[in-house]
Amino acid sequence: MTFFLSPVHFPLDNFAGGGLALARENQTSKYPFLAVEFDTFPNIWDPPYQHVGIDINSVRSNITTAWLSNIQDGKKVFASVRYESTLKRLTVTFTGFGSSNNVIEQNLSYDVDLRDYLPEWVTVGFSAATGWSSEMHTLYSWSFTSSLEENDKPKDKAPTENTPKIIDVPRNDKSTNRSNKVTGLVIGLGVGVCVFVGVILSWLYFFLWKKSREEKGNEVISNLSMDDDFEKGTGPRKFSYNDLVRATNNFSEQEKLGEGGFGAVYRGFFKELDLFVAVKRISSGSKQGIREYASEVKVISQLRHRNLVQLIGWCHEKRELLLVYELMPNGSLDSHLFKENKLLTWEMRYNIVLGLASGLLYLQEECQQLVVHRDIKSSNIMLDSNFNAKLGDFGLARLVDHNKGFQTTLLAGTLGYMAPEYVITGKASKESDVYSFGIVALEIACGKKPLNLKGNEDQISMVQWVWDLYRGGNVKLLEGADPRLNGDFDEQQLECLMVVGIWCAHPDAKLRPSIRQAIQVLNFEASLPVLPLKMPVPTYSSPVVKASSLSLSLSDHSIS
C-alpha cells in the first residue's frame, strides 16, 4: 500500500502488482509522483524483507528501512507522513512490533525538494496492489492537513501574553557596574556547572555503555548455555579459542575460504586429530549471526546423515562465536555450476540431486522433529571429495513438531529460492523447503540462476522459462539443458529432472509432491506427473474475519 502525491488526473497503472498501481514494476514512470510505500511483499528490486520506502517516479525506492510490522498477525499499525518545506525534508513515522510484541515507533527521513518533481497542484491519495495474491488492504482512518507559513513577517509585532516583556530600568553607573559583575559571576558559575555536569554525564555514559556491552556479551554466552547439552553422548565437542587460532594460523587471510553476511569461513587443521576442518567465525556484534549460531548448534547437533554437513564442534570464548565443520574439498555446488573453469558431468549432477533429496527426506520424515531448513540453495550445498552432496548452513533452520507442520517466522532466506506462500505469509514448512529443492534441481539441469534480472522479460524467472519449455513437449524441454554439457547427458534423466523440478516449484503448495514422491520419480519407481501446460498463477486466500473482530487476516495491510 502507498500514500502518494501526483499531478491532477494522474493515471493509475494496473500493469503488474509490483508497481503498486503507480509505475510499471521497477521502471521510471513518465508521470511524476512521490510515494511512501508500506511494502510486505519483497519484489526482485526490493530489499528481501518487509519495509517502508520513499519512492520518486519509480517503485525502486530512493531509501528504505526494515518494517517490523508483524502484519501476518493481523495487527493494526499507525503512520504519519510529514513534509517540512523549510528543511525540504520528508519524514515518515510508523509503528511496528518488537521482539516481545510491544509497540515500537520507527522513522524514515529523506531530503527532497518537492518543487523539483511535482507541480503546484497535486492529487493526494492511496494506492494498493495484490499481484498474484488475494489480500485485503484496510485503511481505518486518515486525515490530511496543509499550512502555508509566510516568510515576510511584520517587523513590529505586539507581544502576546506568553511573549517575554522587556522592562526599561533607569541606568546609573554604579548599578550598571554591579549588574555587570553579578551577570559575569552568574555566567561564570553557569558555564562551570555545565562543564562539570557534562564531564560527569560523559563519564557516566561511558561507564554504563561499557557495562552494558559487557553484560550483553555475557548474556549472549550465558543464554546459549549449550555446553552441557553438547557434551552429553557422542556429539560435537567444545574447542578452545586457542585451539582454533592454532588450527587456522591465527585466522590467516591465506586460509580464508569465503565470507558471508554473518562471518568468514577458514580452513583449519588439527594436528593431534590429523583432521582438516572448516571454521566459521561469526562477525562480532552481529545479532542475526548470534541467533544463527545458537540455532545451528541446537539443530544440527541432533542430526546425523551422510548428506548433511557434519558439525564437529563449537567455541564461544573471548566474545567470539565459532563453529567447526568437516571440510568439503570441492566447495559449494554453485561454484561448479556458475564458474567457467569448473564443470560437473551429468552423472555427478544427477547424483547430487539424489543426495540432496535423501538429506531432505531425513529432515522431513526420519527425524524425531520436522526440521525446516528455510535456506536451501546451491551455495549451501557442499561437495565432498567424491562430489557427494551435503546440505549445510542450518542457521535459519527450525525444529517443528510433525503434527504442526509449519512455523510462522520473520521472513528469512534468499529471493528466488523462497516459495511464494512463505514470502506472503511468513509460514515456513516442508512444502516451502520442497519448493527450494525444486529450484536447485532446475539450476543443476539448466545451469541457470533462479532470477536473471538482466534477461528478457520471459527469461527473468527460471521456473517460468522451464514451464514454457514444458509446454512445447519433450524435444523443447531438452533445449533447456545446461549448454556447458554440450549434449552429453541422459535424455530420460534430464526430462525427469526438469519435470520434477517444476513440480516441486509449483506455485500452489498443496500441489507440490512430498520429497518422498519426488525421489520415487527421480529413481523411475513412479511415472512422471502430468502438469498444466501453462504455469499456474499462485493464489492466496485470506481467512474469514468476524465482523466484530478488530484483528485482521494474515495478509491484511492495514495503515491508519
Protein backbone atom coordinates (compact mmCIF):
# COMPACT_ATOMS: atom_id res chain seq x y z
CA MET A 1 0.00 0.00 0.00
CA THR A 2 1.23 3.53 -0.72
CA PHE A 3 0.39 7.10 0.20
CA PHE A 4 1.19 9.23 -2.84
CA LEU A 5 1.20 12.74 -4.28
CA SER A 6 0.92 13.20 -8.02
CA PRO A 7 -0.26 15.71 -10.63
CA VAL A 8 -4.02 16.06 -11.04
CA HIS A 9 -5.51 13.36 -13.34
CA PHE A 10 -2.57 11.03 -12.66
CA PRO A 11 -3.35 7.70 -14.44
CA LEU A 12 -3.15 4.64 -12.18
CA ASP A 13 -1.24 1.77 -13.79
CA ASN A 14 -2.65 -1.78 -13.49
CA PHE A 15 0.13 -3.47 -15.47
CA ALA A 16 1.54 -5.54 -12.59
CA GLY A 17 1.12 -5.78 -8.84
CA GLY A 18 4.75 -4.92 -8.13
CA GLY A 19 4.19 -1.41 -9.46
CA LEU A 20 1.62 -0.68 -6.72
CA ALA A 21 -0.61 0.97 -9.37
CA LEU A 22 1.89 3.82 -9.75
CA ALA A 23 4.51 2.53 -12.21
CA ARG A 24 5.34 -0.42 -14.41
CA GLU A 25 7.21 -2.61 -11.94
CA ASN A 26 10.60 -1.00 -11.20
CA GLN A 27 10.66 1.24 -14.29
CA THR A 28 10.65 5.03 -14.11
CA SER A 29 7.17 6.41 -14.72
CA LYS A 30 6.69 9.08 -17.36
CA TYR A 31 4.20 10.64 -14.94
CA PRO A 32 5.84 12.16 -11.84
CA PHE A 33 4.81 11.07 -8.37
CA LEU A 34 6.13 10.85 -4.84
CA ALA A 35 5.01 7.97 -2.65
CA VAL A 36 5.60 6.38 0.72
CA GLU A 37 5.27 2.60 0.35
CA PHE A 38 4.39 0.17 3.13
CA ASP A 39 5.59 -2.99 1.44
CA THR A 40 5.13 -6.50 2.82
CA PHE A 41 5.99 -8.33 -0.42
CA PRO A 42 9.67 -8.14 -1.50
CA ASN A 43 9.92 -7.98 -5.28
CA ILE A 44 13.22 -8.64 -7.00
CA TRP A 45 14.14 -4.94 -6.90
CA ASP A 46 13.21 -4.61 -3.21
CA PRO A 47 15.21 -5.45 -0.09
CA PRO A 48 14.38 -9.06 0.95
CA TYR A 49 12.17 -8.12 3.89
CA GLN A 50 9.08 -6.11 4.81
CA HIS A 51 9.97 -2.44 4.55
CA VAL A 52 8.87 1.17 4.33
CA GLY A 53 10.28 3.15 1.44
CA ILE A 54 10.16 6.60 -0.15
CA ASP A 55 9.65 6.46 -3.93
CA ILE A 56 10.12 9.19 -6.52
CA ASN A 57 8.83 8.44 -10.03
CA SER A 58 9.59 4.73 -9.53
CA VAL A 59 8.82 1.98 -7.02
CA ARG A 60 12.52 1.23 -6.85
CA SER A 61 12.74 3.15 -3.60
CA ASN A 62 15.19 6.02 -3.07
CA ILE A 63 15.52 4.96 0.56
CA THR A 64 14.10 2.10 2.64
CA THR A 65 14.15 0.75 6.16
CA ALA A 66 13.03 -2.58 7.59
CA TRP A 67 9.44 -2.53 8.87
CA LEU A 68 8.77 -4.66 11.94
CA SER A 69 5.09 -4.75 11.09
CA ASN A 70 4.14 -8.26 12.23
CA ILE A 71 1.41 -7.86 9.64
CA GLN A 72 0.85 -11.63 9.44
CA ASP A 73 -0.73 -11.50 12.89
CA GLY A 74 -3.35 -9.01 11.70
CA LYS A 75 -2.20 -6.16 13.94
CA LYS A 76 -3.07 -2.51 13.33
CA VAL A 77 -0.29 -0.09 12.57
CA PHE A 78 -0.24 3.70 12.61
CA ALA A 79 1.72 6.06 10.40
CA SER A 80 2.21 9.76 9.77
CA VAL A 81 3.87 11.46 6.81
CA ARG A 82 5.20 14.99 7.32
CA TYR A 83 6.93 17.34 4.88
CA GLU A 84 8.80 20.37 6.20
CA SER A 85 9.21 22.84 3.35
CA THR A 86 11.84 24.94 5.10
CA LEU A 87 14.11 21.92 5.61
CA LYS A 88 12.89 20.23 2.42
CA ARG A 89 12.63 17.01 4.39
CA LEU A 90 10.07 14.23 4.15
CA THR A 91 9.68 12.26 7.39
CA VAL A 92 7.66 9.08 7.87
CA THR A 93 6.86 7.91 11.39
CA PHE A 94 5.23 4.50 11.77
CA THR A 95 4.65 1.81 14.35
CA GLY A 96 5.97 -1.73 14.46
CA PHE A 97 6.33 -4.51 16.98
CA GLY A 98 9.39 -5.51 18.99
CA SER A 99 10.60 -8.97 19.91
CA SER A 100 8.29 -9.11 22.93
CA ASN A 101 5.36 -7.91 20.78
CA ASN A 102 5.47 -4.42 22.29
CA VAL A 103 4.60 -1.46 20.04
CA ILE A 104 7.66 0.46 18.86
CA GLU A 105 7.99 3.65 16.82
CA GLN A 106 10.12 3.71 13.68
CA ASN A 107 11.22 6.58 11.46
CA LEU A 108 12.44 7.21 7.94
CA SER A 109 13.56 10.59 6.54
CA TYR A 110 14.64 11.78 3.11
CA ASP A 111 15.73 15.22 1.94
CA VAL A 112 13.89 16.22 -1.23
CA ASP A 113 12.62 19.44 -2.77
CA LEU A 114 9.10 18.59 -3.92
CA ARG A 115 9.18 21.51 -6.38
CA ASP A 116 11.71 19.57 -8.45
CA TYR A 117 9.22 16.75 -9.05
CA LEU A 118 5.65 17.93 -8.52
CA PRO A 119 3.58 20.82 -9.88
CA GLU A 120 1.81 23.40 -7.73
CA TRP A 121 -1.48 21.47 -7.72
CA VAL A 122 -1.39 17.80 -6.82
CA THR A 123 -3.64 14.83 -6.11
CA VAL A 124 -3.25 13.17 -2.71
CA GLY A 125 -4.32 9.56 -2.23
CA PHE A 126 -3.63 5.91 -1.59
CA SER A 127 -2.88 3.03 -3.94
CA ALA A 128 -2.51 -0.70 -3.37
CA ALA A 129 -1.98 -3.89 -5.33
CA THR A 130 -2.28 -7.62 -4.77
CA GLY A 131 -0.36 -9.00 -7.74
CA TRP A 132 -0.93 -12.75 -7.89
CA SER A 133 -2.27 -12.85 -4.35
CA SER A 134 -5.65 -12.29 -2.76
CA GLU A 135 -5.47 -9.97 0.20
CA MET A 136 -7.24 -7.13 1.97
CA HIS A 137 -5.97 -3.56 2.32
CA THR A 138 -7.78 -1.77 5.12
CA LEU A 139 -7.45 1.94 5.84
CA TYR A 140 -9.27 2.59 9.10
CA SER A 141 -8.97 6.38 9.12
CA TRP A 142 -6.83 9.15 7.70
CA SER A 143 -6.53 12.90 7.68
CA PHE A 144 -4.60 15.45 5.66
CA THR A 145 -3.60 18.99 6.64
CA SER A 146 -1.52 21.61 4.90
CA SER A 147 -0.39 25.01 6.09
CA LEU A 148 1.46 27.85 4.41
CA GLU A 149 3.92 29.84 6.51
CA GLU A 150 4.63 33.38 5.32
CA ASN A 151 8.27 34.34 5.01
CA ASP A 152 7.67 38.10 5.19
CA LYS A 153 6.65 38.70 8.78
CA PRO A 154 5.90 42.23 10.17
CA LYS A 155 8.88 43.83 11.86
CA ASP A 156 6.86 45.07 14.83
CA LYS A 157 4.55 42.63 16.45
CA ALA A 158 2.55 43.19 19.63
CA PRO A 159 3.69 40.81 22.34
CA THR A 160 1.25 38.13 23.38
CA GLU A 161 0.69 37.00 26.93
CA ASN A 162 3.40 34.37 26.58
CA THR A 163 5.89 36.73 24.96
CA PRO A 164 8.67 37.86 27.36
CA LYS A 165 8.33 41.56 28.08
CA ILE A 166 11.32 43.95 28.16
CA ILE A 167 11.27 46.46 31.05
CA ASP A 168 13.33 49.63 30.92
CA VAL A 169 15.32 50.21 34.13
CA PRO A 170 16.80 53.65 34.99
CA ARG A 171 20.51 53.48 34.36
CA ASN A 172 23.29 54.68 36.62
CA ASP A 173 26.97 53.75 36.54
CA LYS A 174 27.11 52.01 39.94
CA SER A 175 24.12 49.83 39.36
CA THR A 176 25.37 49.02 35.90
CA ASN A 177 28.77 48.07 37.28
CA ARG A 178 27.25 45.88 39.97
CA SER A 179 24.90 44.37 37.45
CA ASN A 180 27.78 43.50 35.12
CA LYS A 181 29.72 41.85 37.96
CA VAL A 182 26.69 39.81 39.04
CA THR A 183 25.99 38.90 35.44
CA GLY A 184 29.62 37.82 34.96
CA LEU A 185 29.53 35.78 38.15
CA VAL A 186 26.28 34.07 37.12
CA ILE A 187 27.59 33.31 33.65
CA GLY A 188 30.89 32.01 35.04
CA LEU A 189 29.18 29.78 37.56
CA GLY A 190 26.72 28.63 34.92
CA VAL A 191 29.43 27.68 32.45
CA GLY A 192 31.46 25.96 35.19
CA VAL A 193 28.49 23.96 36.41
CA CYS A 194 27.58 22.98 32.83
CA VAL A 195 31.14 21.80 32.12
CA PHE A 196 31.28 19.87 35.39
CA VAL A 197 27.89 18.25 34.77
CA GLY A 198 28.90 17.50 31.20
CA VAL A 199 32.07 15.72 32.32
CA ILE A 200 30.16 13.74 34.96
CA LEU A 201 27.45 12.75 32.44
CA SER A 202 30.06 11.77 29.81
CA TRP A 203 31.90 9.61 32.32
CA LEU A 204 28.63 8.07 33.50
CA TYR A 205 27.53 7.40 29.92
CA PHE A 206 30.85 5.74 29.08
CA PHE A 207 30.70 3.62 32.24
CA LEU A 208 27.14 2.48 31.59
CA TRP A 209 27.87 1.86 27.89
CA LYS A 210 30.91 -0.28 28.73
CA LYS A 211 28.99 -2.16 31.42
CA SER A 212 26.07 -2.68 29.03
CA ARG A 213 28.37 -4.14 26.40
CA GLU A 214 29.98 -6.48 28.91
CA GLU A 215 26.60 -7.60 30.23
CA LYS A 216 25.32 -8.05 26.69
CA GLY A 217 28.33 -10.17 25.78
CA ASN A 218 28.00 -12.25 28.93
CA GLU A 219 24.26 -12.55 28.37
CA VAL A 220 24.82 -13.85 24.84
CA ILE A 221 27.20 -16.50 26.05
CA SER A 222 25.15 -17.46 29.11
CA ASN A 223 21.93 -17.59 27.11
CA LEU A 224 23.49 -20.03 24.71
CA SER A 225 24.29 -22.37 27.63
CA MET A 226 24.73 -25.33 25.37
CA ASP A 227 27.93 -26.80 26.80
CA ASP A 228 26.13 -29.42 28.90
CA ASP A 229 23.84 -30.41 26.03
CA PHE A 230 26.74 -30.84 23.62
CA GLU A 231 28.98 -32.79 25.90
CA LYS A 232 26.37 -35.45 26.50
CA GLY A 233 26.87 -38.53 24.33
CA THR A 234 28.79 -38.54 21.07
CA GLY A 235 28.04 -35.16 19.63
CA PRO A 236 30.09 -32.14 18.60
CA ARG A 237 32.84 -31.22 21.04
CA LYS A 238 33.85 -27.94 22.57
CA PHE A 239 37.08 -26.38 21.26
CA SER A 240 39.07 -23.68 23.00
CA TYR A 241 39.64 -20.41 21.21
CA ASN A 242 43.39 -21.05 21.23
CA ASP A 243 42.82 -24.42 19.53
CA LEU A 244 41.09 -22.66 16.65
CA VAL A 245 43.69 -19.89 16.47
CA ARG A 246 46.41 -22.52 16.02
CA ALA A 247 44.36 -24.58 13.55
CA THR A 248 43.70 -21.58 11.26
CA ASN A 249 47.14 -19.97 11.63
CA ASN A 250 45.57 -17.11 13.59
CA PHE A 251 42.70 -16.81 11.11
CA SER A 252 45.11 -16.07 8.29
CA GLU A 253 43.83 -14.49 5.08
CA GLN A 254 45.59 -17.29 3.21
CA GLU A 255 43.33 -19.80 4.95
CA LYS A 256 40.09 -17.90 4.25
CA LEU A 257 37.71 -19.99 2.13
CA GLY A 258 34.99 -17.37 1.81
CA GLU A 259 32.97 -14.70 3.55
CA GLY A 260 29.24 -14.23 4.00
CA GLY A 261 26.87 -11.79 5.61
CA PHE A 262 27.42 -13.17 9.12
CA GLY A 263 31.10 -14.03 9.08
CA ALA A 264 34.05 -15.67 7.35
CA VAL A 265 34.99 -19.33 6.86
CA TYR A 266 38.61 -20.52 7.28
CA ARG A 267 40.43 -23.74 6.51
CA GLY A 268 41.92 -25.32 9.60
CA PHE A 269 43.99 -28.35 10.51
CA PHE A 270 44.16 -30.16 13.86
CA LYS A 271 47.50 -31.95 14.03
CA GLU A 272 46.56 -34.08 17.03
CA LEU A 273 43.43 -35.29 15.21
CA ASP A 274 45.03 -35.36 11.73
CA LEU A 275 41.89 -33.61 10.55
CA PHE A 276 41.16 -30.76 8.13
CA VAL A 277 38.17 -28.62 9.11
CA ALA A 278 36.24 -25.52 8.08
CA VAL A 279 35.90 -22.90 10.84
CA LYS A 280 33.05 -20.41 10.59
CA ARG A 281 33.78 -17.21 12.52
CA ILE A 282 30.65 -15.18 13.28
CA SER A 283 31.04 -11.43 12.79
CA SER A 284 31.38 -9.66 16.13
CA GLY A 285 28.29 -7.73 17.15
CA SER A 286 26.03 -9.42 14.60
CA LYS A 287 22.71 -10.06 16.36
CA GLN A 288 21.49 -12.16 13.45
CA GLY A 289 24.80 -14.04 13.49
CA ILE A 290 24.37 -14.83 17.18
CA ARG A 291 20.86 -16.16 16.58
CA GLU A 292 22.10 -18.25 13.66
CA TYR A 293 24.94 -19.61 15.76
CA ALA A 294 22.57 -20.71 18.52
CA SER A 295 20.08 -22.15 16.02
CA GLU A 296 22.72 -24.03 14.05
CA VAL A 297 24.28 -25.60 17.12
CA LYS A 298 20.93 -26.63 18.59
CA VAL A 299 19.59 -28.08 15.34
CA ILE A 300 22.50 -29.70 13.54
CA SER A 301 24.00 -31.24 16.69
CA GLN A 302 20.97 -33.54 16.78
CA LEU A 303 21.32 -34.64 13.14
CA ARG A 304 23.39 -37.45 11.62
CA HIS A 305 23.12 -38.18 7.91
CA ARG A 306 25.57 -38.77 5.09
CA ASN A 307 24.06 -35.92 3.06
CA LEU A 308 24.27 -33.28 5.79
CA VAL A 309 27.44 -31.34 6.62
CA GLN A 310 28.72 -32.63 9.95
CA LEU A 311 29.22 -30.19 12.80
CA ILE A 312 32.41 -31.23 14.60
CA GLY A 313 32.49 -28.64 17.35
CA TRP A 314 31.88 -25.15 18.62
CA CYS A 315 33.50 -22.39 20.63
CA HIS A 316 32.22 -19.25 22.36
CA GLU A 317 35.09 -17.54 24.13
CA LYS A 318 36.61 -14.04 24.18
CA ARG A 319 33.36 -12.63 22.72
CA GLU A 320 33.89 -14.88 19.69
CA LEU A 321 31.37 -17.33 18.24
CA LEU A 322 32.88 -20.11 16.12
CA LEU A 323 31.59 -23.30 14.50
CA VAL A 324 33.79 -26.16 13.30
CA TYR A 325 32.65 -28.37 10.39
CA GLU A 326 34.08 -31.18 8.35
CA LEU A 327 35.96 -29.70 5.40
CA MET A 328 34.33 -30.13 1.99
CA PRO A 329 37.25 -30.31 -0.50
CA ASN A 330 35.16 -29.47 -3.56
CA GLY A 331 33.47 -26.41 -2.14
CA SER A 332 29.90 -25.38 -2.86
CA LEU A 333 27.63 -26.51 -5.68
CA ASP A 334 27.10 -23.01 -7.08
CA SER A 335 30.85 -22.57 -7.66
CA HIS A 336 30.75 -25.54 -10.05
CA LEU A 337 27.53 -24.55 -11.80
CA PHE A 338 28.41 -20.94 -12.49
CA LYS A 339 32.20 -20.76 -12.80
CA GLU A 340 33.75 -21.35 -16.21
CA ASN A 341 36.76 -23.34 -15.01
CA LYS A 342 34.64 -25.93 -13.20
CA LEU A 343 32.29 -28.44 -14.82
CA LEU A 344 30.15 -31.16 -13.32
CA THR A 345 29.37 -34.14 -15.52
CA TRP A 346 25.76 -35.21 -15.92
CA GLU A 347 26.33 -38.30 -13.79
CA MET A 348 27.68 -36.09 -10.96
CA ARG A 349 24.73 -33.72 -11.28
CA TYR A 350 22.08 -36.41 -11.08
CA ASN A 351 23.83 -38.00 -8.12
CA ILE A 352 23.94 -34.60 -6.35
CA VAL A 353 20.16 -34.19 -6.78
CA LEU A 354 19.51 -37.66 -5.36
CA GLY A 355 21.86 -36.98 -2.43
CA LEU A 356 20.17 -33.65 -1.63
CA ALA A 357 16.75 -35.30 -1.82
CA SER A 358 17.91 -38.05 0.55
CA GLY A 359 19.12 -35.47 3.08
CA LEU A 360 15.83 -33.59 2.83
CA LEU A 361 13.84 -36.81 3.31
CA TYR A 362 15.79 -37.38 6.52
CA LEU A 363 14.96 -33.88 7.78
CA GLN A 364 11.28 -34.13 6.93
CA GLU A 365 10.34 -37.72 7.74
CA GLU A 366 13.09 -39.53 9.65
CA CYS A 367 13.94 -37.11 12.47
CA GLN A 368 12.10 -37.02 15.77
CA GLN A 369 11.04 -33.47 14.92
CA LEU A 370 10.47 -31.98 11.49
CA VAL A 371 13.44 -29.79 10.53
CA VAL A 372 12.52 -26.82 8.31
CA HIS A 373 15.75 -25.58 6.75
CA ARG A 374 14.44 -22.31 5.19
CA ASP A 375 17.57 -21.62 3.13
CA ILE A 376 18.12 -24.48 0.68
CA LYS A 377 20.13 -23.08 -2.22
CA SER A 378 23.07 -24.11 -4.35
CA SER A 379 25.59 -22.11 -2.30
CA ASN A 380 24.54 -24.02 0.85
CA ILE A 381 25.10 -27.42 -0.76
CA MET A 382 28.67 -28.60 -0.25
CA LEU A 383 30.52 -31.28 -2.21
CA ASP A 384 32.90 -33.78 -0.62
CA SER A 385 35.94 -35.36 -2.27
CA ASN A 386 33.68 -37.70 -4.30
CA PHE A 387 31.25 -34.90 -5.24
CA ASN A 388 28.55 -36.21 -2.93
CA ALA A 389 26.08 -33.51 -1.89
CA LYS A 390 25.91 -32.38 1.73
CA LEU A 391 23.39 -29.76 2.83
CA GLY A 392 24.85 -27.19 5.21
CA ASP A 393 24.19 -23.82 6.88
CA PHE A 394 21.40 -24.58 9.35
CA GLY A 395 21.48 -21.06 10.79
CA LEU A 396 17.90 -20.37 9.70
CA ALA A 397 16.62 -23.88 10.42
CA ARG A 398 13.80 -24.52 12.89
CA LEU A 399 12.58 -27.63 14.69
CA VAL A 400 8.82 -28.13 14.33
CA ASP A 401 6.52 -30.83 15.65
CA HIS A 402 5.39 -33.17 12.86
CA ASN A 403 1.72 -32.64 13.69
CA LYS A 404 2.11 -28.87 13.32
CA GLY A 405 3.94 -28.88 10.00
CA PHE A 406 4.90 -25.19 9.77
CA GLN A 407 6.28 -22.30 11.75
CA THR A 408 5.46 -18.63 11.33
CA THR A 409 8.69 -16.64 11.47
CA LEU A 410 10.20 -13.39 10.33
CA LEU A 411 10.92 -13.70 6.63
CA ALA A 412 14.41 -15.07 6.05
CA GLY A 413 16.03 -16.77 3.13
CA THR A 414 17.13 -15.94 -0.42
CA LEU A 415 14.93 -14.44 -3.13
CA GLY A 416 14.41 -16.85 -6.00
CA TYR A 417 14.52 -19.86 -3.68
CA MET A 418 11.67 -18.83 -1.37
CA ALA A 419 8.22 -20.28 -2.02
CA PRO A 420 5.54 -17.65 -2.81
CA GLU A 421 3.33 -18.60 0.15
CA TYR A 422 6.32 -18.29 2.50
CA VAL A 423 7.07 -14.80 1.21
CA ILE A 424 3.44 -13.75 1.67
CA THR A 425 2.56 -15.39 4.99
CA GLY A 426 5.93 -15.94 6.68
CA LYS A 427 4.96 -19.61 7.22
CA ALA A 428 7.94 -21.87 6.61
CA SER A 429 7.05 -25.51 6.04
CA LYS A 430 8.32 -28.72 4.49
CA GLU A 431 6.43 -27.66 1.35
CA SER A 432 8.44 -24.43 1.16
CA ASP A 433 11.65 -26.47 1.50
CA VAL A 434 10.45 -28.77 -1.31
CA TYR A 435 9.98 -25.62 -3.44
CA SER A 436 13.62 -24.64 -2.78
CA PHE A 437 14.72 -28.18 -3.66
CA GLY A 438 12.89 -27.84 -6.99
CA ILE A 439 14.71 -24.59 -7.75
CA VAL A 440 18.10 -26.23 -7.07
CA ALA A 441 17.14 -29.21 -9.26
CA LEU A 442 16.39 -26.83 -12.16
CA GLU A 443 19.67 -24.97 -11.57
CA ILE A 444 21.54 -28.27 -11.87
CA ALA A 445 19.71 -29.24 -15.06
CA CYS A 446 19.79 -25.85 -16.80
CA GLY A 447 22.89 -24.14 -15.44
CA LYS A 448 20.78 -21.03 -14.82
CA LYS A 449 20.21 -18.97 -11.69
CA PRO A 450 16.65 -18.67 -10.31
CA LEU A 451 16.37 -14.99 -11.25
CA ASN A 452 18.02 -13.23 -14.16
CA LEU A 453 17.27 -9.53 -13.81
CA LYS A 454 19.26 -8.70 -16.94
CA GLY A 455 17.44 -11.19 -19.17
CA ASN A 456 14.45 -10.75 -21.44
CA GLU A 457 11.06 -10.42 -19.76
CA ASP A 458 10.18 -14.08 -20.48
CA GLN A 459 13.50 -15.29 -19.01
CA ILE A 460 13.64 -13.41 -15.69
CA SER A 461 12.19 -16.36 -13.77
CA MET A 462 13.87 -19.72 -14.39
CA VAL A 463 10.72 -21.60 -13.29
CA GLN A 464 8.57 -19.67 -15.76
CA TRP A 465 11.13 -20.27 -18.53
CA VAL A 466 11.29 -24.05 -17.92
CA TRP A 467 7.48 -24.26 -17.70
CA ASP A 468 7.25 -22.60 -21.13
CA LEU A 469 9.65 -25.26 -22.47
CA TYR A 470 7.49 -27.97 -20.87
CA ARG A 471 4.51 -26.68 -22.85
CA GLY A 472 6.47 -27.39 -26.05
CA GLY A 473 6.90 -31.09 -25.28
CA ASN A 474 9.87 -33.39 -24.73
CA VAL A 475 12.04 -32.07 -27.58
CA LYS A 476 11.60 -28.47 -26.48
CA LEU A 477 12.28 -29.38 -22.86
CA LEU A 478 15.67 -30.88 -23.76
CA GLU A 479 16.69 -27.48 -25.17
CA GLY A 480 16.83 -26.25 -21.59
CA ALA A 481 19.87 -28.37 -20.71
CA ASP A 482 22.98 -26.56 -19.48
CA PRO A 483 24.86 -25.60 -22.70
CA ARG A 484 28.15 -26.41 -20.96
CA LEU A 485 27.21 -30.11 -21.10
CA ASN A 486 27.43 -30.00 -24.91
CA GLY A 487 24.62 -32.53 -25.19
CA ASP A 488 26.44 -35.08 -23.04
CA PHE A 489 23.55 -36.16 -20.80
CA ASP A 490 20.94 -38.87 -20.37
CA GLU A 491 17.82 -37.50 -22.08
CA GLN A 492 15.40 -39.52 -19.97
CA GLN A 493 17.05 -38.34 -16.75
CA LEU A 494 17.14 -34.72 -17.94
CA GLU A 495 13.44 -34.74 -18.79
CA CYS A 496 12.67 -36.37 -15.46
CA LEU A 497 14.76 -33.86 -13.51
CA MET A 498 13.23 -30.81 -15.19
CA VAL A 499 9.66 -32.06 -14.75
CA VAL A 500 10.29 -32.92 -11.10
CA GLY A 501 11.91 -29.50 -10.70
CA ILE A 502 8.84 -27.52 -11.82
CA TRP A 503 6.56 -29.96 -9.98
CA CYS A 504 8.37 -29.21 -6.73
CA ALA A 505 8.37 -25.48 -7.58
CA HIS A 506 4.62 -25.46 -8.27
CA PRO A 507 3.18 -22.08 -7.17
CA ASP A 508 0.45 -23.88 -5.19
CA ALA A 509 1.97 -25.59 -2.13
CA LYS A 510 -0.88 -28.13 -1.98
CA LEU A 511 0.01 -29.42 -5.47
CA ARG A 512 3.70 -30.00 -4.79
CA PRO A 513 4.91 -33.55 -4.17
CA SER A 514 6.35 -34.75 -0.92
CA ILE A 515 10.10 -35.22 -1.09
CA ARG A 516 9.49 -38.99 -0.96
CA GLN A 517 7.27 -38.80 -4.07
CA ALA A 518 9.93 -36.73 -5.86
CA ILE A 519 12.58 -39.35 -5.04
CA GLN A 520 10.39 -42.15 -6.39
CA VAL A 521 10.02 -40.34 -9.73
CA LEU A 522 13.74 -39.49 -9.90
CA ASN A 523 14.53 -43.19 -9.33
CA PHE A 524 11.97 -44.13 -12.04
CA GLU A 525 9.91 -46.01 -9.48
CA ALA A 526 6.89 -43.86 -10.33
CA SER A 527 5.70 -42.20 -13.54
CA LEU A 528 6.16 -38.53 -14.37
CA PRO A 529 3.34 -36.26 -13.19
CA VAL A 530 1.06 -34.57 -15.70
CA LEU A 531 1.33 -30.83 -15.07
CA PRO A 532 -0.59 -27.88 -16.54
CA LEU A 533 0.90 -26.72 -19.84
CA LYS A 534 0.84 -23.14 -18.59
CA MET A 535 2.46 -22.20 -15.30
CA PRO A 536 -0.35 -21.65 -12.77
CA VAL A 537 -0.75 -18.29 -11.08
CA PRO A 538 -0.11 -18.55 -7.33
CA THR A 539 -3.18 -17.80 -5.23
CA TYR A 540 -3.53 -16.98 -1.58
CA SER A 541 -6.85 -16.90 0.22
CA SER A 542 -7.29 -14.77 3.30
CA PRO A 543 -9.15 -16.46 6.15
CA VAL A 544 -12.59 -15.14 7.02
CA VAL A 545 -12.60 -12.46 9.72
CA LYS A 546 -15.56 -11.96 12.05
CA ALA A 547 -17.19 -8.58 11.73
CA SER A 548 -16.88 -7.96 15.45
CA SER A 549 -13.17 -8.68 15.48
CA LEU A 550 -10.60 -5.93 15.17
CA SER A 551 -7.79 -8.29 14.22
CA LEU A 552 -7.10 -8.72 10.53
CA SER A 553 -6.45 -11.74 8.36
CA LEU A 554 -2.92 -12.97 7.77
CA SER A 555 -2.40 -10.91 4.63
CA ASP A 556 -4.10 -7.70 5.69
CA HIS A 557 -2.22 -4.49 5.01
CA SER A 558 -3.64 -2.00 7.49
CA ILE A 559 -2.46 1.54 7.96
CA SER A 560 -4.24 4.19 9.96
